[in-house]
């Protein structure tokens, strides 16, 4: 079985494209998957806030080289 992926930028057209695909001979199923919302400002993400909290509370490490970093991580 083959899979075809369509990207439809206009949300208003999704239902019409879905209906049109269902009318094609041999199409077994049509599924709609919404894409994740695009984040324009990384400073609004939970991961960024967690990283800044680590910096604020001194939970950061410094390594002089890659070898030094691995020595700190692996012991």
C-alpha atoms as a PDB file:
ATOM      1  CA  UNK A   1       0.000   0.000   0.000  1.00  0.00           C
ATOM      2  CA  UNK A   2       1.269   3.475  -0.846  1.00  0.00           C
ATOM      3  CA  UNK A   3       0.807   6.622   1.232  1.00  0.00           C
ATOM      4  CA  UNK A   4       0.460  10.132  -0.170  1.00  0.00           C
ATOM      5  CA  UNK A   5       0.924  13.156   2.088  1.00  0.00           C
ATOM      6  CA  UNK A   6      -0.756  16.436   1.153  1.00  0.00           C
ATOM      7  CA  UNK A   7      -0.012  19.740   2.866  1.00  0.00           C
ATOM      8  CA  UNK A   8      -2.949  22.146   2.787  1.00  0.00           C
ATOM      9  CA  UNK A   9      -2.012  25.578   4.163  1.00  0.00           C
ATOM     10  CA  UNK A  10      -5.607  26.877   4.176  1.00  0.00           C
ATOM     11  CA  UNK A  11      -7.504  25.146   7.024  1.00  0.00           C
ATOM     12  CA  UNK A  12     -10.809  26.047   5.339  1.00  0.00           C
ATOM     13  CA  UNK A  13      -9.984  23.790   2.386  1.00  0.00           C
ATOM     14  CA  UNK A  14      -9.097  20.685   4.389  1.00  0.00           C
ATOM     15  CA  UNK A  15     -12.608  19.230   4.456  1.00  0.00           C
ATOM     16  CA  UNK A  16     -13.055  19.791   0.711  1.00  0.00           C
ATOM     17  CA  UNK A  17      -9.703  18.157  -0.095  1.00  0.00           C
ATOM     18  CA  UNK A  18     -10.626  15.247   2.169  1.00  0.00           C
ATOM     19  CA  UNK A  19     -13.974  14.794   0.350  1.00  0.00           C
ATOM     20  CA  UNK A  20     -12.269  14.970  -3.035  1.00  0.00           C
ATOM     21  CA  UNK A  21      -9.711  12.326  -2.035  1.00  0.00           C
ATOM     22  CA  UNK A  22     -12.477   9.989  -0.859  1.00  0.00           C
ATOM     23  CA  UNK A  23     -14.039  10.166  -4.338  1.00  0.00           C
ATOM     24  CA  UNK A  24     -10.899   8.814  -6.019  1.00  0.00           C
ATOM     25  CA  UNK A  25     -11.119   5.179  -7.050  1.00  0.00           C
ATOM     26  CA  UNK A  26      -8.901   2.922  -4.947  1.00  0.00           C
ATOM     27  CA  UNK A  27      -8.510   5.253  -1.953  1.00  0.00           C
ATOM     28  CA  UNK A  28      -8.915   3.099   1.163  1.00  0.00           C
ATOM     29  CA  UNK A  29      -8.925   5.834   3.821  1.00  0.00           C
ATOM     30  CA  UNK A  30      -8.296   9.524   4.332  1.00  0.00           C
ATOM     31  CA  UNK A  31      -6.898  10.860   7.609  1.00  0.00           C
ATOM     32  CA  UNK A  32      -6.375  14.486   8.635  1.00  0.00           C
ATOM     33  CA  UNK A  33      -3.501  15.319  10.965  1.00  0.00           C
ATOM     34  CA  UNK A  34      -3.035  18.862  12.189  1.00  0.00           C
ATOM     35  CA  UNK A  35       0.520  20.112  12.404  1.00  0.00           C
ATOM     36  CA  UNK A  36       1.970  21.334  15.678  1.00  0.00           C
ATOM     37  CA  UNK A  37       1.608  25.059  16.237  1.00  0.00           C
ATOM     38  CA  UNK A  38       4.630  27.035  15.120  1.00  0.00           C
ATOM     39  CA  UNK A  39       6.402  28.828  17.952  1.00  0.00           C
ATOM     40  CA  UNK A  40       7.749  32.181  16.830  1.00  0.00           C
ATOM     41  CA  UNK A  41       9.344  33.127  20.152  1.00  0.00           C
ATOM     42  CA  UNK A  42      11.514  30.444  21.751  1.00  0.00           C
ATOM     43  CA  UNK A  43      11.571  32.365  25.043  1.00  0.00           C
ATOM     44  CA  UNK A  44       7.900  31.416  25.522  1.00  0.00           C
ATOM     45  CA  UNK A  45       8.593  27.670  25.570  1.00  0.00           C
ATOM     46  CA  UNK A  46       8.707  25.572  28.735  1.00  0.00           C
ATOM     47  CA  UNK A  47      12.142  24.186  27.821  1.00  0.00           C
ATOM     48  CA  UNK A  48      13.647  27.656  27.556  1.00  0.00           C
ATOM     49  CA  UNK A  49      12.145  28.695  30.898  1.00  0.00           C
ATOM     50  CA  UNK A  50      13.488  25.529  32.524  1.00  0.00           C
ATOM     51  CA  UNK A  51      16.963  26.192  31.115  1.00  0.00           C
ATOM     52  CA  UNK A  52      16.928  29.774  32.402  1.00  0.00           C
ATOM     53  CA  UNK A  53      15.840  28.484  35.822  1.00  0.00           C
ATOM     54  CA  UNK A  54      18.854  26.128  35.781  1.00  0.00           C
ATOM     55  CA  UNK A  55      21.163  29.069  35.012  1.00  0.00           C
ATOM     56  CA  UNK A  56      19.566  31.216  37.724  1.00  0.00           C
ATOM     57  CA  UNK A  57      19.982  28.475  40.342  1.00  0.00           C
ATOM     58  CA  UNK A  58      23.537  27.555  39.362  1.00  0.00           C
ATOM     59  CA  UNK A  59      22.754  24.166  37.866  1.00  0.00           C
ATOM     60  CA  UNK A  60      25.240  24.623  35.018  1.00  0.00           C
ATOM     61  CA  UNK A  61      28.575  22.999  34.275  1.00  0.00           C
ATOM     62  CA  UNK A  62      31.579  24.228  32.340  1.00  0.00           C
ATOM     63  CA  UNK A  63      34.032  22.101  30.411  1.00  0.00           C
ATOM     64  CA  UNK A  64      37.312  23.162  28.872  1.00  0.00           C
ATOM     65  CA  UNK A  65      37.040  20.562  26.098  1.00  0.00           C
ATOM     66  CA  UNK A  66      34.907  17.721  24.815  1.00  0.00           C
ATOM     67  CA  UNK A  67      37.104  15.246  26.677  1.00  0.00           C
ATOM     68  CA  UNK A  68      36.635  17.247  29.891  1.00  0.00           C
ATOM     69  CA  UNK A  69      32.867  17.248  29.340  1.00  0.00           C
ATOM     70  CA  UNK A  70      32.768  13.454  28.921  1.00  0.00           C
ATOM     71  CA  UNK A  71      34.957  13.015  31.999  1.00  0.00           C
ATOM     72  CA  UNK A  72      32.479  15.109  34.004  1.00  0.00           C
ATOM     73  CA  UNK A  73      29.498  13.172  32.654  1.00  0.00           C
ATOM     74  CA  UNK A  74      30.922   9.660  32.808  1.00  0.00           C
ATOM     75  CA  UNK A  75      33.269  10.098  35.730  1.00  0.00           C
END
